[in-house]
N, C-alpha and C. Protein backbone atom coordinates (compact mmCIF):
# COMPACT_ATOMS: atom_id res chain seq x y z
N UNK A 1 -134.72 13.37 43.81
CA UNK A 1 -135.81 12.41 43.96
C UNK A 1 -136.52 12.28 42.62
N UNK A 2 -136.86 11.04 42.27
CA UNK A 2 -137.57 10.78 41.02
C UNK A 2 -139.03 11.18 41.13
N UNK A 3 -139.67 11.34 39.98
CA UNK A 3 -141.08 11.73 39.94
C UNK A 3 -141.99 10.71 40.61
N UNK A 4 -141.69 9.42 40.42
CA UNK A 4 -142.58 8.38 40.94
C UNK A 4 -142.37 8.07 42.43
N UNK A 5 -141.33 8.65 43.05
CA UNK A 5 -141.10 8.44 44.48
C UNK A 5 -141.99 9.38 45.29
N UNK A 6 -142.50 8.87 46.39
CA UNK A 6 -143.34 9.68 47.25
C UNK A 6 -142.59 10.02 48.53
N UNK A 7 -142.84 11.20 49.06
CA UNK A 7 -142.25 11.61 50.33
C UNK A 7 -143.02 10.97 51.47
N UNK A 8 -142.32 10.75 52.57
CA UNK A 8 -142.99 10.27 53.78
C UNK A 8 -143.89 11.40 54.30
N UNK A 9 -145.09 11.08 54.70
CA UNK A 9 -145.96 12.13 55.22
C UNK A 9 -145.44 12.64 56.56
N UNK A 10 -145.68 13.91 56.85
CA UNK A 10 -145.24 14.48 58.13
C UNK A 10 -146.15 14.01 59.25
N UNK A 11 -147.35 13.58 58.95
CA UNK A 11 -148.29 13.05 59.93
C UNK A 11 -149.28 12.15 59.22
N UNK A 12 -150.05 11.44 59.98
CA UNK A 12 -150.99 10.49 59.40
C UNK A 12 -152.45 10.87 59.67
N UNK A 13 -152.69 12.12 60.05
CA UNK A 13 -154.05 12.57 60.30
C UNK A 13 -154.65 11.99 61.57
N UNK A 14 -153.79 11.63 62.51
CA UNK A 14 -154.23 11.06 63.77
C UNK A 14 -153.63 11.81 64.94
N UNK A 15 -154.32 11.77 66.05
CA UNK A 15 -153.77 12.24 67.31
C UNK A 15 -153.51 11.01 68.15
N UNK A 16 -152.25 10.74 68.45
CA UNK A 16 -151.96 9.60 69.31
C UNK A 16 -150.71 9.89 70.14
N UNK A 17 -150.62 9.17 71.24
CA UNK A 17 -149.45 9.24 72.11
C UNK A 17 -149.14 7.81 72.56
N UNK A 18 -147.86 7.47 72.61
CA UNK A 18 -147.43 6.14 73.03
C UNK A 18 -146.40 6.27 74.15
N UNK A 19 -146.36 5.28 75.00
CA UNK A 19 -145.51 5.28 76.19
C UNK A 19 -144.70 3.99 76.20
N UNK A 20 -143.37 4.11 76.32
CA UNK A 20 -142.49 2.95 76.33
C UNK A 20 -141.57 3.03 77.55
N UNK A 21 -141.59 2.01 78.43
CA UNK A 21 -140.61 2.00 79.53
C UNK A 21 -139.20 1.86 78.95
N UNK A 22 -138.33 2.77 79.31
CA UNK A 22 -136.95 2.77 78.81
C UNK A 22 -136.01 2.13 79.81
N UNK A 23 -136.29 2.32 81.10
CA UNK A 23 -135.49 1.77 82.19
C UNK A 23 -136.39 1.77 83.42
N UNK A 24 -135.92 1.27 84.56
CA UNK A 24 -136.77 1.31 85.75
C UNK A 24 -137.19 2.73 86.16
N UNK A 25 -136.41 3.74 85.76
CA UNK A 25 -136.72 5.10 86.20
C UNK A 25 -136.98 6.07 85.05
N UNK A 26 -137.25 5.55 83.85
CA UNK A 26 -137.44 6.44 82.71
C UNK A 26 -138.49 5.88 81.75
N UNK A 27 -139.35 6.78 81.26
CA UNK A 27 -140.34 6.44 80.24
C UNK A 27 -140.07 7.30 79.01
N UNK A 28 -140.19 6.70 77.84
CA UNK A 28 -140.09 7.44 76.59
C UNK A 28 -141.50 7.63 76.06
N UNK A 29 -141.86 8.87 75.75
CA UNK A 29 -143.18 9.20 75.23
C UNK A 29 -142.99 9.78 73.82
N UNK A 30 -143.78 9.29 72.86
CA UNK A 30 -143.76 9.89 71.53
C UNK A 30 -145.19 10.07 71.05
N UNK A 31 -145.40 11.01 70.13
CA UNK A 31 -146.75 11.35 69.70
C UNK A 31 -146.79 11.91 68.30
N UNK A 32 -148.00 11.94 67.77
CA UNK A 32 -148.30 12.60 66.50
C UNK A 32 -149.56 13.41 66.75
N UNK A 33 -149.49 14.69 66.47
CA UNK A 33 -150.65 15.58 66.65
C UNK A 33 -151.03 16.16 65.28
N UNK A 34 -151.60 15.31 64.44
CA UNK A 34 -152.03 15.78 63.12
C UNK A 34 -153.50 15.42 62.87
N UNK A 35 -154.22 15.12 63.94
CA UNK A 35 -155.62 14.73 63.82
C UNK A 35 -156.59 15.87 64.11
N UNK A 36 -157.86 15.57 64.09
CA UNK A 36 -158.89 16.61 64.23
C UNK A 36 -158.95 17.27 65.61
N UNK A 37 -158.71 16.54 66.69
CA UNK A 37 -158.82 17.15 68.02
C UNK A 37 -157.71 18.16 68.27
N UNK A 38 -156.49 17.82 67.90
CA UNK A 38 -155.39 18.79 68.09
C UNK A 38 -155.58 19.98 67.17
N UNK A 39 -156.07 19.74 65.97
CA UNK A 39 -156.33 20.83 65.03
C UNK A 39 -157.39 21.79 65.59
N UNK A 40 -158.40 21.25 66.23
CA UNK A 40 -159.44 22.07 66.84
C UNK A 40 -158.83 23.03 67.87
N UNK A 41 -157.97 22.52 68.75
CA UNK A 41 -157.37 23.38 69.78
C UNK A 41 -156.41 24.39 69.19
N UNK A 42 -155.72 24.02 68.11
CA UNK A 42 -154.81 24.97 67.48
C UNK A 42 -155.58 26.12 66.81
N UNK A 43 -156.71 25.82 66.20
CA UNK A 43 -157.47 26.83 65.46
C UNK A 43 -158.40 27.66 66.34
N UNK A 44 -159.05 27.03 67.32
CA UNK A 44 -160.11 27.69 68.07
C UNK A 44 -159.69 28.31 69.39
N UNK A 45 -158.44 28.24 69.76
CA UNK A 45 -157.99 28.84 71.02
C UNK A 45 -156.85 29.79 70.74
N UNK A 46 -157.22 31.03 70.49
CA UNK A 46 -156.21 32.04 70.20
C UNK A 46 -155.60 32.60 71.47
N UNK A 47 -156.19 32.29 72.60
CA UNK A 47 -155.67 32.77 73.88
C UNK A 47 -154.48 31.96 74.34
N UNK A 48 -154.21 32.03 75.62
CA UNK A 48 -153.07 31.36 76.22
C UNK A 48 -153.36 29.87 76.44
N UNK A 49 -152.74 29.02 75.62
CA UNK A 49 -152.85 27.57 75.84
C UNK A 49 -151.44 27.00 75.98
N UNK A 50 -151.34 25.92 76.72
CA UNK A 50 -150.05 25.26 76.91
C UNK A 50 -150.24 23.76 76.65
N UNK A 51 -149.43 23.20 75.77
CA UNK A 51 -149.47 21.76 75.52
C UNK A 51 -148.75 21.06 76.66
N UNK A 52 -149.35 19.99 77.17
CA UNK A 52 -148.80 19.27 78.33
C UNK A 52 -149.01 17.77 78.19
N UNK A 53 -148.15 17.03 78.87
CA UNK A 53 -148.37 15.62 79.13
C UNK A 53 -148.88 15.52 80.55
N UNK A 54 -149.93 14.76 80.75
CA UNK A 54 -150.40 14.48 82.10
C UNK A 54 -149.91 13.07 82.43
N UNK A 55 -148.91 12.99 83.31
CA UNK A 55 -148.38 11.71 83.75
C UNK A 55 -149.28 11.20 84.87
N UNK A 56 -149.81 9.99 84.70
CA UNK A 56 -150.78 9.43 85.65
C UNK A 56 -150.20 8.16 86.24
N UNK A 57 -150.08 8.12 87.57
CA UNK A 57 -149.62 6.94 88.28
C UNK A 57 -150.84 6.16 88.74
N UNK A 58 -150.84 4.85 88.46
CA UNK A 58 -152.00 4.01 88.75
C UNK A 58 -151.66 2.97 89.82
N UNK A 59 -152.67 2.62 90.64
CA UNK A 59 -152.47 1.55 91.62
C UNK A 59 -152.75 0.20 90.97
N UNK A 60 -152.65 -0.88 91.74
CA UNK A 60 -152.82 -2.23 91.22
C UNK A 60 -154.20 -2.45 90.59
N UNK A 61 -155.22 -1.74 91.08
CA UNK A 61 -156.57 -1.88 90.55
C UNK A 61 -156.87 -0.96 89.38
N UNK A 62 -155.89 -0.16 88.96
CA UNK A 62 -156.09 0.75 87.84
C UNK A 62 -156.64 2.11 88.24
N UNK A 63 -156.78 2.36 89.55
CA UNK A 63 -157.26 3.66 90.03
C UNK A 63 -156.09 4.66 90.07
N UNK A 64 -156.39 5.93 89.91
CA UNK A 64 -155.37 6.98 89.87
C UNK A 64 -154.84 7.25 91.27
N UNK A 65 -153.51 7.13 91.42
CA UNK A 65 -152.83 7.54 92.67
C UNK A 65 -152.56 9.04 92.65
N UNK A 66 -151.97 9.50 91.54
CA UNK A 66 -151.66 10.91 91.38
C UNK A 66 -151.47 11.25 89.91
N UNK A 67 -151.52 12.55 89.60
CA UNK A 67 -151.29 13.07 88.25
C UNK A 67 -150.30 14.22 88.34
N UNK A 68 -149.55 14.41 87.27
CA UNK A 68 -148.60 15.52 87.21
C UNK A 68 -148.57 16.06 85.79
N UNK A 69 -148.67 17.38 85.62
CA UNK A 69 -148.60 18.00 84.30
C UNK A 69 -147.17 18.37 83.96
N UNK A 70 -146.75 18.03 82.74
CA UNK A 70 -145.41 18.31 82.26
C UNK A 70 -145.54 19.11 80.97
N UNK A 71 -145.09 20.37 80.96
CA UNK A 71 -145.16 21.18 79.73
C UNK A 71 -144.27 20.58 78.63
N UNK A 72 -144.75 20.62 77.40
CA UNK A 72 -143.99 20.10 76.26
C UNK A 72 -144.10 21.04 75.07
N UNK A 73 -143.23 20.83 74.09
CA UNK A 73 -143.35 21.47 72.79
C UNK A 73 -144.06 20.46 71.89
N UNK A 74 -145.27 20.74 71.41
CA UNK A 74 -146.03 19.73 70.67
C UNK A 74 -145.34 19.25 69.39
N UNK A 75 -144.54 20.12 68.76
CA UNK A 75 -143.90 19.74 67.51
C UNK A 75 -142.64 18.90 67.70
N UNK A 76 -142.17 18.75 68.93
CA UNK A 76 -140.97 17.94 69.17
C UNK A 76 -141.23 16.46 68.92
N UNK A 77 -142.45 15.99 69.20
CA UNK A 77 -142.81 14.61 68.91
C UNK A 77 -142.41 13.58 69.94
N UNK A 78 -141.57 13.95 70.94
CA UNK A 78 -141.20 12.98 71.96
C UNK A 78 -140.67 13.68 73.21
N UNK A 79 -140.61 12.92 74.30
CA UNK A 79 -140.16 13.45 75.58
C UNK A 79 -139.80 12.28 76.50
N UNK A 80 -138.84 12.48 77.38
CA UNK A 80 -138.50 11.48 78.40
C UNK A 80 -139.05 11.94 79.74
N UNK A 81 -139.57 11.00 80.52
CA UNK A 81 -140.11 11.29 81.84
C UNK A 81 -139.36 10.48 82.90
N UNK A 82 -138.99 11.11 84.00
CA UNK A 82 -138.39 10.39 85.13
C UNK A 82 -139.52 9.88 86.01
N UNK A 83 -139.45 8.58 86.35
CA UNK A 83 -140.51 7.92 87.12
C UNK A 83 -139.89 6.98 88.15
N UNK A 84 -140.74 6.26 88.87
CA UNK A 84 -140.31 5.30 89.89
C UNK A 84 -140.35 3.88 89.31
N UNK A 85 -139.41 3.02 89.74
CA UNK A 85 -139.42 1.62 89.28
C UNK A 85 -140.66 0.88 89.76
N UNK A 86 -141.03 -0.16 89.02
CA UNK A 86 -142.10 -1.08 89.38
C UNK A 86 -143.42 -0.35 89.70
N UNK A 87 -143.80 0.59 88.82
CA UNK A 87 -145.05 1.33 88.95
C UNK A 87 -145.78 1.32 87.62
N UNK A 88 -147.10 1.49 87.70
CA UNK A 88 -147.94 1.55 86.49
C UNK A 88 -148.20 3.01 86.14
N UNK A 89 -148.09 3.31 84.83
CA UNK A 89 -148.30 4.68 84.36
C UNK A 89 -149.13 4.69 83.09
N UNK A 90 -149.70 5.86 82.84
CA UNK A 90 -150.39 6.18 81.60
C UNK A 90 -150.14 7.67 81.39
N UNK A 91 -150.15 8.12 80.15
CA UNK A 91 -150.06 9.56 79.88
C UNK A 91 -151.24 9.99 79.03
N UNK A 92 -151.63 11.22 79.26
CA UNK A 92 -152.59 11.90 78.39
C UNK A 92 -151.86 13.10 77.82
N UNK A 93 -152.06 13.36 76.54
CA UNK A 93 -151.48 14.53 75.91
C UNK A 93 -152.62 15.48 75.61
N UNK A 94 -152.46 16.73 75.97
CA UNK A 94 -153.53 17.68 75.75
C UNK A 94 -153.08 19.11 75.97
N UNK A 95 -154.05 19.99 76.14
CA UNK A 95 -153.77 21.41 76.35
C UNK A 95 -154.31 21.86 77.70
N UNK A 96 -153.59 22.80 78.29
CA UNK A 96 -154.06 23.45 79.51
C UNK A 96 -154.51 24.84 79.11
N UNK A 97 -155.80 25.11 79.34
CA UNK A 97 -156.37 26.42 79.07
C UNK A 97 -156.78 26.97 80.42
N UNK A 98 -156.11 28.01 80.85
CA UNK A 98 -156.35 28.51 82.21
C UNK A 98 -155.89 27.46 83.21
N UNK A 99 -156.79 27.05 84.10
CA UNK A 99 -156.47 26.02 85.09
C UNK A 99 -157.03 24.65 84.71
N UNK A 100 -157.57 24.51 83.51
CA UNK A 100 -158.23 23.26 83.11
C UNK A 100 -157.40 22.54 82.05
N UNK A 101 -157.20 21.23 82.27
CA UNK A 101 -156.49 20.38 81.31
C UNK A 101 -157.51 19.70 80.42
N UNK A 102 -157.32 19.78 79.09
CA UNK A 102 -158.21 19.15 78.11
C UNK A 102 -157.42 18.08 77.36
N UNK A 103 -157.67 16.79 77.66
CA UNK A 103 -156.92 15.74 76.95
C UNK A 103 -157.32 15.63 75.49
N UNK A 104 -156.32 15.39 74.65
CA UNK A 104 -156.53 15.17 73.22
C UNK A 104 -156.45 13.67 72.93
N UNK A 105 -155.49 12.98 73.55
CA UNK A 105 -155.33 11.54 73.36
C UNK A 105 -154.62 10.96 74.58
N UNK A 106 -154.65 9.65 74.72
CA UNK A 106 -153.99 9.00 75.86
C UNK A 106 -153.31 7.72 75.41
N UNK A 107 -152.33 7.31 76.20
CA UNK A 107 -151.57 6.08 75.90
C UNK A 107 -152.21 4.89 76.60
N UNK A 108 -151.68 3.72 76.32
CA UNK A 108 -152.02 2.52 77.08
C UNK A 108 -151.24 2.54 78.39
N UNK A 109 -151.67 1.72 79.34
CA UNK A 109 -150.95 1.60 80.61
C UNK A 109 -149.66 0.84 80.37
N UNK A 110 -148.62 1.26 81.06
CA UNK A 110 -147.33 0.58 81.02
C UNK A 110 -146.77 0.48 82.43
N UNK A 111 -146.00 -0.58 82.69
CA UNK A 111 -145.37 -0.77 83.99
C UNK A 111 -143.87 -0.68 83.82
N UNK A 112 -143.23 0.11 84.66
CA UNK A 112 -141.77 0.21 84.62
C UNK A 112 -141.18 -1.05 85.26
N UNK A 113 -140.02 -1.50 84.77
CA UNK A 113 -139.40 -2.69 85.36
C UNK A 113 -138.88 -2.42 86.77
N UNK A 114 -138.63 -3.50 87.49
CA UNK A 114 -138.02 -3.40 88.82
C UNK A 114 -136.58 -2.92 88.65
N UNK A 115 -136.04 -2.34 89.72
CA UNK A 115 -134.63 -1.98 89.68
C UNK A 115 -133.78 -2.99 90.46
N UNK A 116 -134.42 -4.04 90.99
CA UNK A 116 -133.72 -5.12 91.68
C UNK A 116 -134.23 -6.45 91.12
N UNK A 117 -133.40 -7.50 91.16
CA UNK A 117 -133.89 -8.80 90.67
C UNK A 117 -134.98 -9.35 91.57
N UNK A 118 -135.89 -10.15 91.02
CA UNK A 118 -136.94 -10.74 91.84
C UNK A 118 -136.36 -11.72 92.86
N UNK A 119 -137.04 -11.89 93.99
CA UNK A 119 -136.60 -12.82 95.02
C UNK A 119 -136.71 -14.25 94.49
N UNK A 120 -135.78 -15.12 94.87
CA UNK A 120 -135.85 -16.52 94.47
C UNK A 120 -135.29 -16.78 93.09
N UNK A 121 -134.56 -15.81 92.50
CA UNK A 121 -133.99 -15.99 91.18
C UNK A 121 -132.73 -16.82 91.24
N UNK A 122 -131.97 -16.82 90.17
CA UNK A 122 -130.74 -17.60 90.10
C UNK A 122 -129.73 -17.09 91.12
N UNK A 123 -129.00 -18.01 91.71
CA UNK A 123 -127.97 -17.66 92.68
C UNK A 123 -126.66 -17.42 91.95
N UNK A 124 -125.90 -16.39 92.33
CA UNK A 124 -124.61 -16.18 91.69
C UNK A 124 -123.60 -17.21 92.17
N UNK A 125 -122.47 -17.30 91.47
CA UNK A 125 -121.40 -18.17 91.91
C UNK A 125 -121.40 -19.49 91.18
N UNK A 126 -120.84 -20.55 91.82
CA UNK A 126 -120.66 -21.83 91.15
C UNK A 126 -121.96 -22.44 90.65
N UNK A 127 -123.05 -22.23 91.35
CA UNK A 127 -124.34 -22.80 90.96
C UNK A 127 -124.76 -22.29 89.58
N UNK A 128 -124.57 -21.00 89.32
CA UNK A 128 -124.94 -20.43 88.03
C UNK A 128 -123.95 -20.82 86.95
N UNK A 129 -122.66 -20.91 87.27
CA UNK A 129 -121.66 -21.18 86.25
C UNK A 129 -121.75 -22.59 85.69
N UNK A 130 -122.30 -23.55 86.42
CA UNK A 130 -122.37 -24.91 85.91
C UNK A 130 -123.40 -25.04 84.78
N UNK A 131 -124.24 -24.02 84.57
CA UNK A 131 -125.27 -24.08 83.55
C UNK A 131 -124.89 -23.31 82.29
N UNK A 132 -123.63 -22.96 82.14
CA UNK A 132 -123.24 -22.17 80.98
C UNK A 132 -123.34 -23.00 79.71
N UNK A 133 -123.63 -22.32 78.62
CA UNK A 133 -123.78 -22.95 77.31
C UNK A 133 -122.41 -23.42 76.82
N UNK A 134 -122.34 -24.64 76.27
CA UNK A 134 -121.09 -25.18 75.75
C UNK A 134 -120.76 -24.53 74.41
N UNK A 135 -119.47 -24.31 74.13
CA UNK A 135 -119.11 -23.74 72.82
C UNK A 135 -119.37 -24.74 71.70
N UNK A 136 -119.62 -24.23 70.49
CA UNK A 136 -119.85 -25.10 69.33
C UNK A 136 -118.54 -25.75 68.90
N UNK A 137 -118.67 -26.87 68.23
CA UNK A 137 -117.49 -27.55 67.71
C UNK A 137 -117.03 -26.80 66.46
N UNK A 138 -115.77 -26.97 66.10
CA UNK A 138 -115.28 -26.20 64.95
C UNK A 138 -115.94 -26.68 63.65
N UNK A 139 -115.83 -25.88 62.61
CA UNK A 139 -116.62 -26.04 61.39
C UNK A 139 -116.41 -27.37 60.66
N UNK A 140 -115.26 -28.03 60.80
CA UNK A 140 -115.00 -29.24 60.06
C UNK A 140 -115.72 -30.47 60.59
N UNK A 141 -116.19 -30.47 61.82
CA UNK A 141 -116.80 -31.65 62.42
C UNK A 141 -118.32 -31.58 62.36
N UNK A 142 -118.93 -32.74 62.35
CA UNK A 142 -120.39 -32.79 62.36
C UNK A 142 -120.90 -32.40 63.74
N UNK A 143 -122.07 -31.74 63.77
CA UNK A 143 -122.65 -31.35 65.06
C UNK A 143 -123.18 -32.58 65.78
N UNK A 144 -123.10 -32.54 67.08
CA UNK A 144 -123.64 -33.59 67.91
C UNK A 144 -125.16 -33.47 67.92
N UNK A 145 -125.88 -34.52 68.32
CA UNK A 145 -127.33 -34.40 68.46
C UNK A 145 -127.68 -33.26 69.40
N UNK A 146 -128.86 -32.68 69.22
CA UNK A 146 -129.29 -31.54 70.02
C UNK A 146 -129.24 -31.88 71.50
N UNK A 147 -128.70 -30.93 72.28
CA UNK A 147 -128.63 -31.11 73.73
C UNK A 147 -129.30 -29.93 74.39
N UNK A 148 -130.01 -30.17 75.46
CA UNK A 148 -130.65 -29.10 76.19
C UNK A 148 -129.75 -28.65 77.31
N UNK A 149 -129.65 -27.33 77.49
CA UNK A 149 -128.82 -26.74 78.52
C UNK A 149 -129.69 -25.79 79.30
N UNK A 150 -129.74 -25.94 80.61
CA UNK A 150 -130.54 -25.03 81.43
C UNK A 150 -129.69 -23.82 81.79
N UNK A 151 -130.25 -22.63 81.58
CA UNK A 151 -129.54 -21.39 81.91
C UNK A 151 -129.91 -20.96 83.31
N UNK A 152 -129.17 -20.00 83.90
CA UNK A 152 -129.48 -19.56 85.26
C UNK A 152 -130.90 -19.02 85.42
N UNK A 153 -131.46 -18.45 84.36
CA UNK A 153 -132.81 -17.90 84.49
C UNK A 153 -133.88 -18.97 84.35
N UNK A 154 -133.47 -20.22 84.13
CA UNK A 154 -134.44 -21.30 84.05
C UNK A 154 -134.92 -21.59 82.64
N UNK A 155 -134.44 -20.85 81.64
CA UNK A 155 -134.85 -21.08 80.26
C UNK A 155 -134.08 -22.27 79.69
N UNK A 156 -134.67 -22.97 78.79
CA UNK A 156 -134.01 -24.11 78.15
C UNK A 156 -133.56 -23.68 76.76
N UNK A 157 -132.26 -23.82 76.49
CA UNK A 157 -131.71 -23.53 75.18
C UNK A 157 -131.40 -24.85 74.50
N UNK A 158 -131.49 -24.86 73.23
CA UNK A 158 -131.25 -26.08 72.51
C UNK A 158 -130.19 -25.85 71.44
N UNK A 159 -129.10 -26.61 71.51
CA UNK A 159 -128.06 -26.47 70.49
C UNK A 159 -128.61 -26.96 69.16
N UNK A 160 -128.14 -26.37 68.10
CA UNK A 160 -128.55 -26.79 66.77
C UNK A 160 -130.00 -26.45 66.48
N UNK A 161 -130.52 -25.39 67.08
CA UNK A 161 -131.92 -25.03 66.91
C UNK A 161 -132.27 -24.76 65.45
N UNK A 162 -131.31 -24.24 64.69
CA UNK A 162 -131.58 -23.92 63.29
C UNK A 162 -131.98 -25.14 62.50
N UNK A 163 -131.56 -26.37 62.95
CA UNK A 163 -131.98 -27.58 62.28
C UNK A 163 -133.48 -27.78 62.36
N UNK A 164 -134.08 -27.32 63.48
CA UNK A 164 -135.49 -27.54 63.71
C UNK A 164 -136.39 -26.54 63.00
N UNK A 165 -135.78 -25.47 62.45
CA UNK A 165 -136.57 -24.44 61.77
C UNK A 165 -136.89 -24.89 60.35
N UNK A 166 -138.08 -24.58 59.86
CA UNK A 166 -138.41 -24.94 58.48
C UNK A 166 -137.53 -24.15 57.52
N UNK A 167 -137.12 -24.78 56.44
CA UNK A 167 -136.29 -24.09 55.45
C UNK A 167 -137.17 -23.24 54.56
N UNK A 168 -136.58 -22.16 54.07
CA UNK A 168 -137.36 -21.25 53.23
C UNK A 168 -137.14 -21.49 51.78
């Protein structure tokens, strides 16, 4: 490494946790514990402490349905959680001292996707196949004027869209 190159910092002096739905039944959680609150617990609690994620399930109004503590290794930086489809969740990262959980930081609310398609969606079979996108013409011929094609999900695609984009 050259003298003028800088190393990536191991942390940014913040305590944060983020939650990303990975699938209908899985959440990915990642965090950085390099801020003042996590430092306080590391320095001032020489007794038995356990770092945990508090998985919080929320109802439609944002009220807590239930909570569950999941032990973690704080230096790992990430963890996967098994959850239920089509539910709202939030996590708090903190320490358990005795029987008391002390949150250090919390994520935003996230909703896991459904594991089944919504009712009233596109029908399979001939109805869906008639909306397939037409293949492009070969490179030697001029493109036809833009045509709109409806896809099974109801989105409108436009051939030759790159023509409509501003040039750089």
